[in-house]
Amino acid sequence: MGLIDTFQNKNTKRDYEIEISCPEFTSICPKTGQPDFATIHIKYIPDRKCVELKSLKLYFQSYRNVGEFHENVTNKILDDFIKSCSPKKVSIIGDFNVRGGVKTIVKVEHKKSKNKRKT
């Protein structure tokens, strides 16, 4: 997966929340090779950096040919998001469409501990 680009947060004096939704996320089931469709919801409180949306869109598109389970995809997105912008707090929900009569929703989150903030 490629890196997610960022830009400087010009509003670091206050906490504010950013919500992003990608209703056209696609990956591949590693067992069947069939496409998995999902809506990915991201809610985060930025620290020094914000995520650049075009870059995030391209990052999501890079999953179209990746065979991975829903749980792993959602956790990988969280890991890459943290690596790119180191938010104060982030939650990611992978809301996967019904396939074979089963619906999966995977929720992961991360909160930066106050003593880890870089100066």
PDB file of N, CA and C in Angstrom:
ATOM      1  N   MET A   1       0.834  -1.169   0.000  1.00  0.00           N
ATOM      2  CA  MET A   1       0.000   0.000   0.000  1.00  0.00           C
ATOM      3  C   MET A   1       0.886   1.242   0.000  1.00  0.00           C
ATOM      4  N   GLY A   2       0.429   2.250  -0.702  1.00  0.00           N
ATOM      5  CA  GLY A   2       1.164   3.505  -0.731  1.00  0.00           C
ATOM      6  C   GLY A   2       0.964   4.298   0.548  1.00  0.00           C
ATOM      7  N   LEU A   3       1.750   5.327   0.683  1.00  0.00           N
ATOM      8  CA  LEU A   3       1.625   6.198   1.832  1.00  0.00           C
ATOM      9  C   LEU A   3       0.451   7.149   1.655  1.00  0.00           C
ATOM     10  N   ILE A   4      -0.082   7.605   2.759  1.00  0.00           N
ATOM     11  CA  ILE A   4      -1.158   8.581   2.748  1.00  0.00           C
ATOM     12  C   ILE A   4      -0.522   9.947   2.990  1.00  0.00           C
ATOM     13  N   ASP A   5      -0.681  10.871   2.052  1.00  0.00           N
ATOM     14  CA  ASP A   5      -0.096  12.199   2.188  1.00  0.00           C
ATOM     15  C   ASP A   5      -0.858  13.014   3.230  1.00  0.00           C
ATOM     16  N   THR A   6      -0.164  13.995   3.778  1.00  0.00           N
ATOM     17  CA  THR A   6      -0.740  14.853   4.809  1.00  0.00           C
ATOM     18  C   THR A   6      -0.399  16.312   4.527  1.00  0.00           C
ATOM     19  N   PHE A   7      -1.018  17.195   5.300  1.00  0.00           N
ATOM     20  CA  PHE A   7      -0.660  18.607   5.287  1.00  0.00           C
ATOM     21  C   PHE A   7      -0.709  19.117   6.726  1.00  0.00           C
ATOM     22  N   GLN A   8      -0.047  20.230   6.977  1.00  0.00           N
ATOM     23  CA  GLN A   8       0.023  20.786   8.323  1.00  0.00           C
ATOM     24  C   GLN A   8      -1.349  21.238   8.806  1.00  0.00           C
ATOM     25  N   ASN A   9      -1.672  20.877  10.030  1.00  0.00           N
ATOM     26  CA  ASN A   9      -2.895  21.332  10.682  1.00  0.00           C
ATOM     27  C   ASN A   9      -2.645  22.754  11.188  1.00  0.00           C
ATOM     28  N   LYS A  10      -3.383  23.712  10.671  1.00  0.00           N
ATOM     29  CA  LYS A  10      -3.208  25.111  11.074  1.00  0.00           C
ATOM     30  C   LYS A  10      -4.075  25.483  12.276  1.00  0.00           C
ATOM     31  N   ASN A  11      -4.776  24.517  12.836  1.00  0.00           N
ATOM     32  CA  ASN A  11      -5.685  24.788  13.950  1.00  0.00           C
ATOM     33  C   ASN A  11      -5.365  23.901  15.147  1.00  0.00           C
ATOM     34  N   THR A  12      -4.125  23.886  15.549  1.00  0.00           N
ATOM     35  CA  THR A  12      -3.688  22.998  16.638  1.00  0.00           C
ATOM     36  C   THR A  12      -4.051  23.503  18.037  1.00  0.00           C
ATOM     37  N   LYS A  13      -4.587  24.721  18.128  1.00  0.00           N
ATOM     38  CA  LYS A  13      -4.941  25.274  19.443  1.00  0.00           C
ATOM     39  C   LYS A  13      -6.219  24.677  20.009  1.00  0.00           C
ATOM     40  N   ARG A  14      -6.967  23.971  19.172  1.00  0.00           N
ATOM     41  CA  ARG A  14      -8.202  23.341  19.659  1.00  0.00           C
ATOM     42  C   ARG A  14      -8.349  21.966  19.030  1.00  0.00           C
ATOM     43  N   ASP A  15      -9.038  21.098  19.740  1.00  0.00           N
ATOM     44  CA  ASP A  15      -9.391  19.798  19.175  1.00  0.00           C
ATOM     45  C   ASP A  15     -10.649  19.951  18.327  1.00  0.00           C
ATOM     46  N   TYR A  16     -10.642  19.307  17.197  1.00  0.00           N
ATOM     47  CA  TYR A  16     -11.826  19.240  16.344  1.00  0.00           C
ATOM     48  C   TYR A  16     -11.816  17.898  15.643  1.00  0.00           C
ATOM     49  N   GLU A  17     -12.978  17.472  15.234  1.00  0.00           N
ATOM     50  CA  GLU A  17     -13.135  16.136  14.664  1.00  0.00           C
ATOM     51  C   GLU A  17     -13.368  16.218  13.162  1.00  0.00           C
ATOM     52  N   ILE A  18     -12.726  15.315  12.442  1.00  0.00           N
ATOM     53  CA  ILE A  18     -12.901  15.194  10.995  1.00  0.00           C
ATOM     54  C   ILE A  18     -13.497  13.823  10.725  1.00  0.00           C
ATOM     55  N   GLU A  19     -14.572  13.795   9.931  1.00  0.00           N
ATOM     56  CA  GLU A  19     -15.197  12.536   9.538  1.00  0.00           C
ATOM     57  C   GLU A  19     -15.056  12.359   8.034  1.00  0.00           C
ATOM     58  N   ILE A  20     -14.624  11.177   7.642  1.00  0.00           N
ATOM     59  CA  ILE A  20     -14.435  10.840   6.233  1.00  0.00           C
ATOM     60  C   ILE A  20     -15.162   9.531   5.973  1.00  0.00           C
ATOM     61  N   SER A  21     -15.833   9.455   4.836  1.00  0.00           N
ATOM     62  CA  SER A  21     -16.536   8.230   4.463  1.00  0.00           C
ATOM     63  C   SER A  21     -16.166   7.853   3.034  1.00  0.00           C
ATOM     64  N   CYS A  22     -15.863   6.586   2.835  1.00  0.00           N
ATOM     65  CA  CYS A  22     -15.567   6.062   1.496  1.00  0.00           C
ATOM     66  C   CYS A  22     -16.553   4.938   1.201  1.00  0.00           C
ATOM     67  N   PRO A  23     -17.669   5.254   0.517  1.00  0.00           N
ATOM     68  CA  PRO A  23     -18.707   4.253   0.275  1.00  0.00           C
ATOM     69  C   PRO A  23     -18.408   3.279  -0.870  1.00  0.00           C
ATOM     70  N   GLU A  24     -17.255   3.424  -1.523  1.00  0.00           N
ATOM     71  CA  GLU A  24     -16.945   2.575  -2.680  1.00  0.00           C
ATOM     72  C   GLU A  24     -15.674   1.754  -2.471  1.00  0.00           C
ATOM     73  N   PHE A  25     -15.381   1.383  -1.232  1.00  0.00           N
ATOM     74  CA  PHE A  25     -14.178   0.599  -0.945  1.00  0.00           C
ATOM     75  C   PHE A  25     -14.350  -0.825  -1.477  1.00  0.00           C
ATOM     76  N   THR A  26     -13.294  -1.339  -2.088  1.00  0.00           N
ATOM     77  CA  THR A  26     -13.302  -2.694  -2.629  1.00  0.00           C
ATOM     78  C   THR A  26     -11.989  -3.395  -2.305  1.00  0.00           C
ATOM     79  N   SER A  27     -12.101  -4.633  -1.862  1.00  0.00           N
ATOM     80  CA  SER A  27     -10.938  -5.504  -1.705  1.00  0.00           C
ATOM     81  C   SER A  27     -11.345  -6.888  -2.218  1.00  0.00           C
ATOM     82  N   ILE A  28     -10.476  -7.864  -2.065  1.00  0.00           N
ATOM     83  CA  ILE A  28     -10.741  -9.212  -2.586  1.00  0.00           C
ATOM     84  C   ILE A  28     -10.758 -10.209  -1.431  1.00  0.00           C
ATOM     85  N   CYS A  29     -11.716 -11.131  -1.452  1.00  0.00           N
ATOM     86  CA  CYS A  29     -11.745 -12.203  -0.460  1.00  0.00           C
ATOM     87  C   CYS A  29     -10.583 -13.153  -0.740  1.00  0.00           C
ATOM     88  N   PRO A  30      -9.736 -13.425   0.262  1.00  0.00           N
ATOM     89  CA  PRO A  30      -8.580 -14.292   0.034  1.00  0.00           C
ATOM     90  C   PRO A  30      -8.963 -15.762  -0.176  1.00  0.00           C
ATOM     91  N   LYS A  31     -10.155 -16.160   0.208  1.00  0.00           N
ATOM     92  CA  LYS A  31     -10.600 -17.553   0.042  1.00  0.00           C
ATOM     93  C   LYS A  31     -11.218 -17.796  -1.324  1.00  0.00           C
ATOM     94  N   THR A  32     -12.083 -16.850  -1.762  1.00  0.00           N
ATOM     95  CA  THR A  32     -12.855 -17.077  -2.992  1.00  0.00           C
ATOM     96  C   THR A  32     -12.361 -16.280  -4.188  1.00  0.00           C
ATOM     97  N   GLY A  33     -11.610 -15.214  -3.917  1.00  0.00           N
ATOM     98  CA  GLY A  33     -11.189 -14.331  -4.997  1.00  0.00           C
ATOM     99  C   GLY A  33     -12.289 -13.378  -5.443  1.00  0.00           C
ATOM    100  N   GLN A  34     -13.431 -13.421  -4.770  1.00  0.00           N
ATOM    101  CA  GLN A  34     -14.558 -12.552  -5.107  1.00  0.00           C
ATOM    102  C   GLN A  34     -14.347 -11.174  -4.473  1.00  0.00           C
ATOM    103  N   PRO A  35     -14.923 -10.130  -5.095  1.00  0.00           N
ATOM    104  CA  PRO A  35     -14.763  -8.788  -4.513  1.00  0.00           C
ATOM    105  C   PRO A  35     -15.581  -8.627  -3.237  1.00  0.00           C
ATOM    106  N   ASP A  36     -15.013  -7.889  -2.297  1.00  0.00           N
ATOM    107  CA  ASP A  36     -15.702  -7.478  -1.079  1.00  0.00           C
ATOM    108  C   ASP A  36     -15.912  -5.974  -1.176  1.00  0.00           C
ATOM    109  N   PHE A  37     -17.142  -5.539  -0.969  1.00  0.00           N
ATOM    110  CA  PHE A  37     -17.477  -4.123  -1.030  1.00  0.00           C
ATOM    111  C   PHE A  37     -17.780  -3.629   0.374  1.00  0.00           C
ATOM    112  N   ALA A  38     -17.368  -2.399   0.659  1.00  0.00           N
ATOM    113  CA  ALA A  38     -17.574  -1.859   2.002  1.00  0.00           C
ATOM    114  C   ALA A  38     -17.654  -0.344   1.957  1.00  0.00           C
ATOM    115  N   THR A  39     -18.169   0.187   3.041  1.00  0.00           N
ATOM    116  CA  THR A  39     -18.034   1.616   3.318  1.00  0.00           C
ATOM    117  C   THR A  39     -17.045   1.729   4.476  1.00  0.00           C
ATOM    118  N   ILE A  40     -16.011   2.524   4.267  1.00  0.00           N
ATOM    119  CA  ILE A  40     -15.025   2.760   5.317  1.00  0.00           C
ATOM    120  C   ILE A  40     -15.325   4.133   5.916  1.00  0.00           C
ATOM    121  N   HIS A  41     -15.522   4.153   7.232  1.00  0.00           N
ATOM    122  CA  HIS A  41     -15.781   5.398   7.960  1.00  0.00           C
ATOM    123  C   HIS A  41     -14.563   5.700   8.823  1.00  0.00           C
ATOM    124  N   ILE A  42     -14.062   6.917   8.709  1.00  0.00           N
ATOM    125  CA  ILE A  42     -12.935   7.364   9.528  1.00  0.00           C
ATOM    126  C   ILE A  42     -13.381   8.602  10.299  1.00  0.00           C
ATOM    127  N   LYS A  43     -13.105   8.599  11.588  1.00  0.00           N
ATOM    128  CA  LYS A  43     -13.372   9.758  12.438  1.00  0.00           C
ATOM    129  C   LYS A  43     -12.102   9.997  13.236  1.00  0.00           C
ATOM    130  N   TYR A  44     -11.515  11.215  13.081  1.00  0.00           N
ATOM    131  CA  TYR A  44     -10.270  11.458  13.797  1.00  0.00           C
ATOM    132  C   TYR A  44     -10.153  12.887  14.308  1.00  0.00           C
ATOM    133  N   ILE A  45      -9.343  13.029  15.343  1.00  0.00           N
ATOM    134  CA  ILE A  45      -8.962  14.331  15.882  1.00  0.00           C
ATOM    135  C   ILE A  45      -7.499  14.522  15.496  1.00  0.00           C
ATOM    136  N   PRO A  46      -7.222  15.470  14.612  1.00  0.00           N
ATOM    137  CA  PRO A  46      -5.837  15.635  14.160  1.00  0.00           C
ATOM    138  C   PRO A  46      -4.950  16.222  15.247  1.00  0.00           C
ATOM    139  N   ASP A  47      -3.669  15.938  15.112  1.00  0.00           N
ATOM    140  CA  ASP A  47      -2.670  16.577  15.959  1.00  0.00           C
ATOM    141  C   ASP A  47      -1.981  17.627  15.097  1.00  0.00           C
ATOM    142  N   ARG A  48      -0.802  17.358  14.619  1.00  0.00           N
ATOM    143  CA  ARG A  48      -0.072  18.334  13.801  1.00  0.00           C
ATOM    144  C   ARG A  48      -0.336  18.199  12.303  1.00  0.00           C
ATOM    145  N   LYS A  49      -0.895  17.058  11.894  1.00  0.00           N
ATOM    146  CA  LYS A  49      -1.113  16.820  10.470  1.00  0.00           C
ATOM    147  C   LYS A  49      -2.553  16.383  10.210  1.00  0.00           C
ATOM    148  N   CYS A  50      -3.042  16.728   9.019  1.00  0.00           N
ATOM    149  CA  CYS A  50      -4.340  16.254   8.524  1.00  0.00           C
ATOM    150  C   CYS A  50      -4.090  15.417   7.276  1.00  0.00           C
ATOM    151  N   VAL A  51      -4.985  14.509   7.007  1.00  0.00           N
ATOM    152  CA  VAL A  51      -4.858  13.631   5.842  1.00  0.00           C
ATOM    153  C   VAL A  51      -5.361  14.348   4.590  1.00  0.00           C
ATOM    154  N   GLU A  52      -4.591  14.247   3.528  1.00  0.00           N
ATOM    155  CA  GLU A  52      -4.968  14.824   2.241  1.00  0.00           C
ATOM    156  C   GLU A  52      -5.909  13.838   1.547  1.00  0.00           C
ATOM    157  N   LEU A  53      -7.089  14.294   1.139  1.00  0.00           N
ATOM    158  CA  LEU A  53      -8.157  13.390   0.708  1.00  0.00           C
ATOM    159  C   LEU A  53      -7.893  12.674  -0.619  1.00  0.00           C
ATOM    160  N   LYS A  54      -7.291  13.333  -1.588  1.00  0.00           N
ATOM    161  CA  LYS A  54      -7.006  12.640  -2.849  1.00  0.00           C
ATOM    162  C   LYS A  54      -6.040  11.484  -2.609  1.00  0.00           C
ATOM    163  N   SER A  55      -5.053  11.715  -1.785  1.00  0.00           N
ATOM    164  CA  SER A  55      -4.104  10.670  -1.436  1.00  0.00           C
ATOM    165  C   SER A  55      -4.805   9.506  -0.738  1.00  0.00           C
ATOM    166  N   LEU A  56      -5.748   9.823   0.157  1.00  0.00           N
ATOM    167  CA  LEU A  56      -6.504   8.778   0.847  1.00  0.00           C
ATOM    168  C   LEU A  56      -7.338   7.978  -0.147  1.00  0.00           C
ATOM    169  N   LYS A  57      -7.945   8.660  -1.114  1.00  0.00           N
ATOM    170  CA  LYS A  57      -8.724   7.980  -2.145  1.00  0.00           C
ATOM    171  C   LYS A  57      -7.843   6.996  -2.925  1.00  0.00           C
ATOM    172  N   LEU A  58      -6.665   7.435  -3.315  1.00  0.00           N
ATOM    173  CA  LEU A  58      -5.744   6.558  -4.049  1.00  0.00           C
ATOM    174  C   LEU A  58      -5.272   5.404  -3.171  1.00  0.00           C
ATOM    175  N   TYR A  59      -5.057   5.669  -1.904  1.00  0.00           N
ATOM    176  CA  TYR A  59      -4.690   4.612  -0.956  1.00  0.00           C
ATOM    177  C   TYR A  59      -5.794   3.552  -0.913  1.00  0.00           C
ATOM    178  N   PHE A  60      -7.050   3.985  -0.771  1.00  0.00           N
ATOM    179  CA  PHE A  60      -8.167   3.036  -0.752  1.00  0.00           C
ATOM    180  C   PHE A  60      -8.242   2.228  -2.051  1.00  0.00           C
ATOM    181  N   GLN A  61      -8.013   2.880  -3.174  1.00  0.00           N
ATOM    182  CA  GLN A  61      -8.066   2.183  -4.463  1.00  0.00           C
ATOM    183  C   GLN A  61      -6.992   1.108  -4.572  1.00  0.00           C
ATOM    184  N   SER A  62      -5.902   1.248  -3.850  1.00  0.00           N
ATOM    185  CA  SER A  62      -4.826   0.258  -3.920  1.00  0.00           C
ATOM    186  C   SER A  62      -5.243  -1.091  -3.332  1.00  0.00           C
ATOM    187  N   TYR A  63      -6.349  -1.141  -2.607  1.00  0.00           N
ATOM    188  CA  TYR A  63      -6.851  -2.395  -2.040  1.00  0.00           C
ATOM    189  C   TYR A  63      -7.660  -3.221  -3.043  1.00  0.00           C
ATOM    190  N   ARG A  64      -7.968  -2.691  -4.196  1.00  0.00           N
ATOM    191  CA  ARG A  64      -8.852  -3.374  -5.145  1.00  0.00           C
ATOM    192  C   ARG A  64      -8.354  -4.740  -5.589  1.00  0.00           C
ATOM    193  N   ASN A  65      -7.063  -4.953  -5.538  1.00  0.00           N
ATOM    194  CA  ASN A  65      -6.510  -6.241  -5.962  1.00  0.00           C
ATOM    195  C   ASN A  65      -5.851  -6.993  -4.814  1.00  0.00           C
ATOM    196  N   VAL A  66      -6.150  -6.597  -3.586  1.00  0.00           N
ATOM    197  CA  VAL A  66      -5.534  -7.210  -2.413  1.00  0.00           C
ATOM    198  C   VAL A  66      -6.486  -8.238  -1.811  1.00  0.00           C
ATOM    199  N   GLY A  67      -6.000  -9.459  -1.642  1.00  0.00           N
ATOM    200  CA  GLY A  67      -6.780 -10.509  -1.005  1.00  0.00           C
ATOM    201  C   GLY A  67      -6.525 -10.520   0.485  1.00  0.00           C
ATOM    202  N   GLU A  68      -7.490 -10.057   1.256  1.00  0.00           N
ATOM    203  CA  GLU A  68      -7.313  -9.964   2.702  1.00  0.00           C
ATOM    204  C   GLU A  68      -8.659 -10.023   3.400  1.00  0.00           C
ATOM    205  N   PHE A  69      -8.667 -10.571   4.600  1.00  0.00           N
ATOM    206  CA  PHE A  69      -9.899 -10.658   5.383  1.00  0.00           C
ATOM    207  C   PHE A  69     -10.314  -9.285   5.893  1.00  0.00           C
ATOM    208  N   HIS A  70     -11.612  -9.115   6.139  1.00  0.00           N
ATOM    209  CA  HIS A  70     -12.172  -7.834   6.577  1.00  0.00           C
ATOM    210  C   HIS A  70     -11.463  -7.284   7.810  1.00  0.00           C
ATOM    211  N   GLU A  71     -11.227  -8.160   8.770  1.00  0.00           N
ATOM    212  CA  GLU A  71     -10.589  -7.741  10.021  1.00  0.00           C
ATOM    213  C   GLU A  71      -9.186  -7.186   9.776  1.00  0.00           C
ATOM    214  N   ASN A  72      -8.437  -7.866   8.924  1.00  0.00           N
ATOM    215  CA  ASN A  72      -7.067  -7.438   8.641  1.00  0.00           C
ATOM    216  C   ASN A  72      -7.025  -6.149   7.823  1.00  0.00           C
ATOM    217  N   VAL A  73      -7.950  -6.016   6.865  1.00  0.00           N
ATOM    218  CA  VAL A  73      -8.012  -4.796   6.059  1.00  0.00           C
ATOM    219  C   VAL A  73      -8.259  -3.588   6.955  1.00  0.00           C
ATOM    220  N   THR A  74      -9.244  -3.700   7.839  1.00  0.00           N
ATOM    221  CA  THR A  74      -9.600  -2.574   8.694  1.00  0.00           C
ATOM    222  C   THR A  74      -8.450  -2.208   9.634  1.00  0.00           C
ATOM    223  N   ASN A  75      -7.797  -3.197  10.218  1.00  0.00           N
ATOM    224  CA  ASN A  75      -6.656  -2.931  11.094  1.00  0.00           C
ATOM    225  C   ASN A  75      -5.463  -2.351  10.335  1.00  0.00           C
ATOM    226  N   LYS A  76      -5.235  -2.794   9.109  1.00  0.00           N
ATOM    227  CA  LYS A  76      -4.142  -2.262   8.284  1.00  0.00           C
ATOM    228  C   LYS A  76      -4.401  -0.796   7.943  1.00  0.00           C
ATOM    229  N   ILE A  77      -5.653  -0.465   7.626  1.00  0.00           N
ATOM    230  CA  ILE A  77      -5.994   0.933   7.345  1.00  0.00           C
ATOM    231  C   ILE A  77      -5.700   1.790   8.578  1.00  0.00           C
ATOM    232  N   LEU A  78      -6.074   1.305   9.763  1.00  0.00           N
ATOM    233  CA  LEU A  78      -5.795   2.044  10.992  1.00  0.00           C
ATOM    234  C   LEU A  78      -4.289   2.238  11.170  1.00  0.00           C
ATOM    235  N   ASP A  79      -3.514   1.175  11.025  1.00  0.00           N
ATOM    236  CA  ASP A  79      -2.062   1.271  11.190  1.00  0.00           C
ATOM    237  C   ASP A  79      -1.450   2.290  10.231  1.00  0.00           C
ATOM    238  N   ASP A  80      -1.866   2.246   8.967  1.00  0.00           N
ATOM    239  CA  ASP A  80      -1.323   3.166   7.962  1.00  0.00           C
ATOM    240  C   ASP A  80      -1.767   4.603   8.230  1.00  0.00           C
ATOM    241  N   PHE A  81      -2.995   4.777   8.704  1.00  0.00           N
ATOM    242  CA  PHE A  81      -3.504   6.103   9.023  1.00  0.00           C
ATOM    243  C   PHE A  81      -2.700   6.713  10.172  1.00  0.00           C
ATOM    244  N   ILE A  82      -2.453   5.924  11.208  1.00  0.00           N
ATOM    245  CA  ILE A  82      -1.663   6.396  12.353  1.00  0.00           C
ATOM    246  C   ILE A  82      -0.244   6.747  11.900  1.00  0.00           C
ATOM    247  N   LYS A  83       0.336   5.893  11.072  1.00  0.00           N
ATOM    248  CA  LYS A  83       1.691   6.120  10.588  1.00  0.00           C
ATOM    249  C   LYS A  83       1.788   7.415   9.774  1.00  0.00           C
ATOM    250  N   SER A  84       0.746   7.730   9.029  1.00  0.00           N
ATOM    251  CA  SER A  84       0.801   8.901   8.157  1.00  0.00           C
ATOM    252  C   SER A  84       0.604  10.216   8.898  1.00  0.00           C
ATOM    253  N   CYS A  85      -0.340  10.288   9.851  1.00  0.00           N
ATOM    254  CA  CYS A  85      -0.646  11.596  10.435  1.00  0.00           C
ATOM    255  C   CYS A  85      -0.611  11.641  11.956  1.00  0.00           C
ATOM    256  N   SER A  86      -0.397  10.521  12.615  1.00  0.00           N
ATOM    257  CA  SER A  86      -0.284  10.467  14.066  1.00  0.00           C
ATOM    258  C   SER A  86      -1.368  11.293  14.773  1.00  0.00           C
ATOM    259  N   PRO A  87      -2.646  10.946  14.548  1.00  0.00           N
ATOM    260  CA  PRO A  87      -3.732  11.739  15.131  1.00  0.00           C
ATOM    261  C   PRO A  87      -3.817  11.569  16.644  1.00  0.00           C
ATOM    262  N   LYS A  88      -4.490  12.508  17.286  1.00  0.00           N
ATOM    263  CA  LYS A  88      -4.724  12.385  18.726  1.00  0.00           C
ATOM    264  C   LYS A  88      -5.647  11.211  19.003  1.00  0.00           C
ATOM    265  N   LYS A  89      -6.612  11.034  18.139  1.00  0.00           N
ATOM    266  CA  LYS A  89      -7.556   9.935  18.282  1.00  0.00           C
ATOM    267  C   LYS A  89      -8.110   9.604  16.904  1.00  0.00           C
ATOM    268  N   VAL A  90      -8.328   8.313  16.654  1.00  0.00           N
ATOM    269  CA  VAL A  90      -8.920   7.898  15.389  1.00  0.00           C
ATOM    270  C   VAL A  90      -9.723   6.624  15.596  1.00  0.00           C
ATOM    271  N   SER A  91     -10.873   6.549  14.937  1.00  0.00           N
ATOM    272  CA  SER A  91     -11.632   5.302  14.881  1.00  0.00           C
ATOM    273  C   SER A  91     -11.968   5.034  13.418  1.00  0.00           C
ATOM    274  N   ILE A  92     -11.877   3.760  13.061  1.00  0.00           N
ATOM    275  CA  ILE A  92     -12.167   3.342  11.689  1.00  0.00           C
ATOM    276  C   ILE A  92     -13.162   2.200  11.747  1.00  0.00           C
ATOM    277  N   ILE A  93     -14.189   2.330  10.918  1.00  0.00           N
ATOM    278  CA  ILE A  93     -15.205   1.287  10.818  1.00  0.00           C
ATOM    279  C   ILE A  93     -15.205   0.773   9.386  1.00  0.00           C
ATOM    280  N   GLY A  94     -15.015  -0.528   9.246  1.00  0.00           N
ATOM    281  CA  GLY A  94     -15.171  -1.193   7.953  1.00  0.00           C
ATOM    282  C   GLY A  94     -16.548  -1.844   7.937  1.00  0.00           C
ATOM    283  N   ASP A  95     -17.478  -1.256   7.205  1.00  0.00           N
ATOM    284  CA  ASP A  95     -18.855  -1.740   7.128  1.00  0.00           C
ATOM    285  C   ASP A  95     -18.994  -2.502   5.808  1.00  0.00           C
ATOM    286  N   PHE A  96     -18.767  -3.808   5.860  1.00  0.00           N
ATOM    287  CA  PHE A  96     -18.723  -4.635   4.652  1.00  0.00           C
ATOM    288  C   PHE A  96     -20.113  -5.106   4.251  1.00  0.00           C
ATOM    289  N   ASN A  97     -20.372  -5.092   2.955  1.00  0.00           N
ATOM    290  CA  ASN A  97     -21.671  -5.509   2.426  1.00  0.00           C
ATOM    291  C   ASN A  97     -21.927  -6.991   2.688  1.00  0.00           C
ATOM    292  N   VAL A  98     -23.187  -7.344   2.677  1.00  0.00           N
ATOM    293  CA  VAL A  98     -23.591  -8.735   2.850  1.00  0.00           C
ATOM    294  C   VAL A  98     -23.051  -9.566   1.693  1.00  0.00           C
ATOM    295  N   ARG A  99     -22.456 -10.706   2.059  1.00  0.00           N
ATOM    296  CA  ARG A  99     -22.032 -11.675   1.038  1.00  0.00           C
ATOM    297  C   ARG A  99     -22.237 -13.057   1.624  1.00  0.00           C
ATOM    298  N   GLY A 100     -22.968 -13.892   0.905  1.00  0.00           N
ATOM    299  CA  GLY A 100     -23.259 -15.235   1.386  1.00  0.00           C
ATOM    300  C   GLY A 100     -24.151 -15.228   2.618  1.00  0.00           C
ATOM    301  N   GLY A 101     -24.959 -14.183   2.750  1.00  0.00           N
ATOM    302  CA  GLY A 101     -25.875 -14.087   3.880  1.00  0.00           C
ATOM    303  C   GLY A 101     -25.233 -13.601   5.170  1.00  0.00           C
ATOM    304  N   VAL A 102     -23.985 -13.136   5.097  1.00  0.00           N
ATOM    305  CA  VAL A 102     -23.278 -12.680   6.298  1.00  0.00           C
ATOM    306  C   VAL A 102     -22.808 -11.243   6.105  1.00  0.00           C
ATOM    307  N   LYS A 103     -23.050 -10.410   7.106  1.00  0.00           N
ATOM    308  CA  LYS A 103     -22.598  -9.020   7.096  1.00  0.00           C
ATOM    309  C   LYS A 103     -21.549  -8.856   8.188  1.00  0.00           C
ATOM    310  N   THR A 104     -20.500  -8.130   7.865  1.00  0.00           N
ATOM    311  CA  THR A 104     -19.421  -7.897   8.827  1.00  0.00           C
ATOM    312  C   THR A 104     -19.206  -6.404   9.018  1.00  0.00           C
ATOM    313  N   ILE A 105     -19.097  -5.985  10.273  1.00  0.00           N
ATOM    314  CA  ILE A 105     -18.704  -4.621  10.616  1.00  0.00           C
ATOM    315  C   ILE A 105     -17.525  -4.731  11.571  1.00  0.00           C
ATOM    316  N   VAL A 106     -16.402  -4.140  11.179  1.00  0.00           N
ATOM    317  CA  VAL A 106     -15.190  -4.187  11.989  1.00  0.00           C
ATOM    318  C   VAL A 106     -14.888  -2.770  12.465  1.00  0.00           C
ATOM    319  N   LYS A 107     -14.738  -2.600  13.787  1.00  0.00           N
ATOM    320  CA  LYS A 107     -14.458  -1.293  14.377  1.00  0.00           C
ATOM    321  C   LYS A 107     -13.115  -1.351  15.096  1.00  0.00           C
ATOM    322  N   VAL A 108     -12.229  -0.424  14.758  1.00  0.00           N
ATOM    323  CA  VAL A 108     -10.930  -0.334  15.422  1.00  0.00           C
ATOM    324  C   VAL A 108     -10.677   1.124  15.795  1.00  0.00           C
ATOM    325  N   GLU A 109      -9.930   1.322  16.872  1.00  0.00           N
ATOM    326  CA  GLU A 109      -9.629   2.696  17.268  1.00  0.00           C
ATOM    327  C   GLU A 109      -8.271   2.792  17.935  1.00  0.00           C
ATOM    328  N   HIS A 110      -7.803   4.023  18.002  1.00  0.00           N
ATOM    329  CA  HIS A 110      -6.503   4.321  18.611  1.00  0.00           C
ATOM    330  C   HIS A 110      -6.594   5.695  19.250  1.00  0.00           C
ATOM    331  N   LYS A 111      -6.008   5.816  20.432  1.00  0.00           N
ATOM    332  CA  LYS A 111      -5.937   7.110  21.105  1.00  0.00           C
ATOM    333  C   LYS A 111      -4.495   7.322  21.535  1.00  0.00           C
ATOM    334  N   LYS A 112      -3.934   8.451  21.131  1.00  0.00           N
ATOM    335  CA  LYS A 112      -2.545   8.783  21.469  1.00  0.00           C
ATOM    336  C   LYS A 112      -2.469   9.093  22.958  1.00  0.00           C
ATOM    337  N   SER A 113      -1.519   8.484  23.627  1.00  0.00           N
ATOM    338  CA  SER A 113      -1.343   8.807  25.032  1.00  0.00           C
ATOM    339  C   SER A 113      -0.647  10.158  25.138  1.00  0.00           C
ATOM    340  N   LYS A 114      -0.990  10.911  26.150  1.00  0.00           N
ATOM    341  CA  LYS A 114      -0.503  12.289  26.278  1.00  0.00           C
ATOM    342  C   LYS A 114       1.011  12.362  26.421  1.00  0.00           C
ATOM    343  N   ASN A 115       1.627  11.347  26.993  1.00  0.00           N
ATOM    344  CA  ASN A 115       3.075  11.406  27.192  1.00  0.00           C
ATOM    345  C   ASN A 115       3.874  11.049  25.933  1.00  0.00           C
ATOM    346  N   LYS A 116       3.202  10.651  24.855  1.00  0.00           N
ATOM    347  CA  LYS A 116       3.901  10.296  23.625  1.00  0.00           C
ATOM    348  C   LYS A 116       3.942  11.454  22.622  1.00  0.00           C
ATOM    349  N   ARG A 117       3.308  12.573  22.936  1.00  0.00           N
ATOM    350  CA  ARG A 117       3.248  13.689  21.998  1.00  0.00           C
ATOM    351  C   ARG A 117       4.643  14.276  21.791  1.00  0.00           C
ATOM    352  N   LYS A 118       5.012  14.428  20.540  1.00  0.00           N
ATOM    353  CA  LYS A 118       6.316  15.005  20.210  1.00  0.00           C
ATOM    354  C   LYS A 118       6.238  16.512  20.240  1.00  0.00           C
ATOM    355  N   THR A 119       7.344  17.145  20.598  1.00  0.00           N
ATOM    356  CA  THR A 119       7.372  18.605  20.627  1.00  0.00           C
ATOM    357  C   THR A 119       8.174  19.145  19.477  1.00  0.00           C
TER     358      THR A 119
END
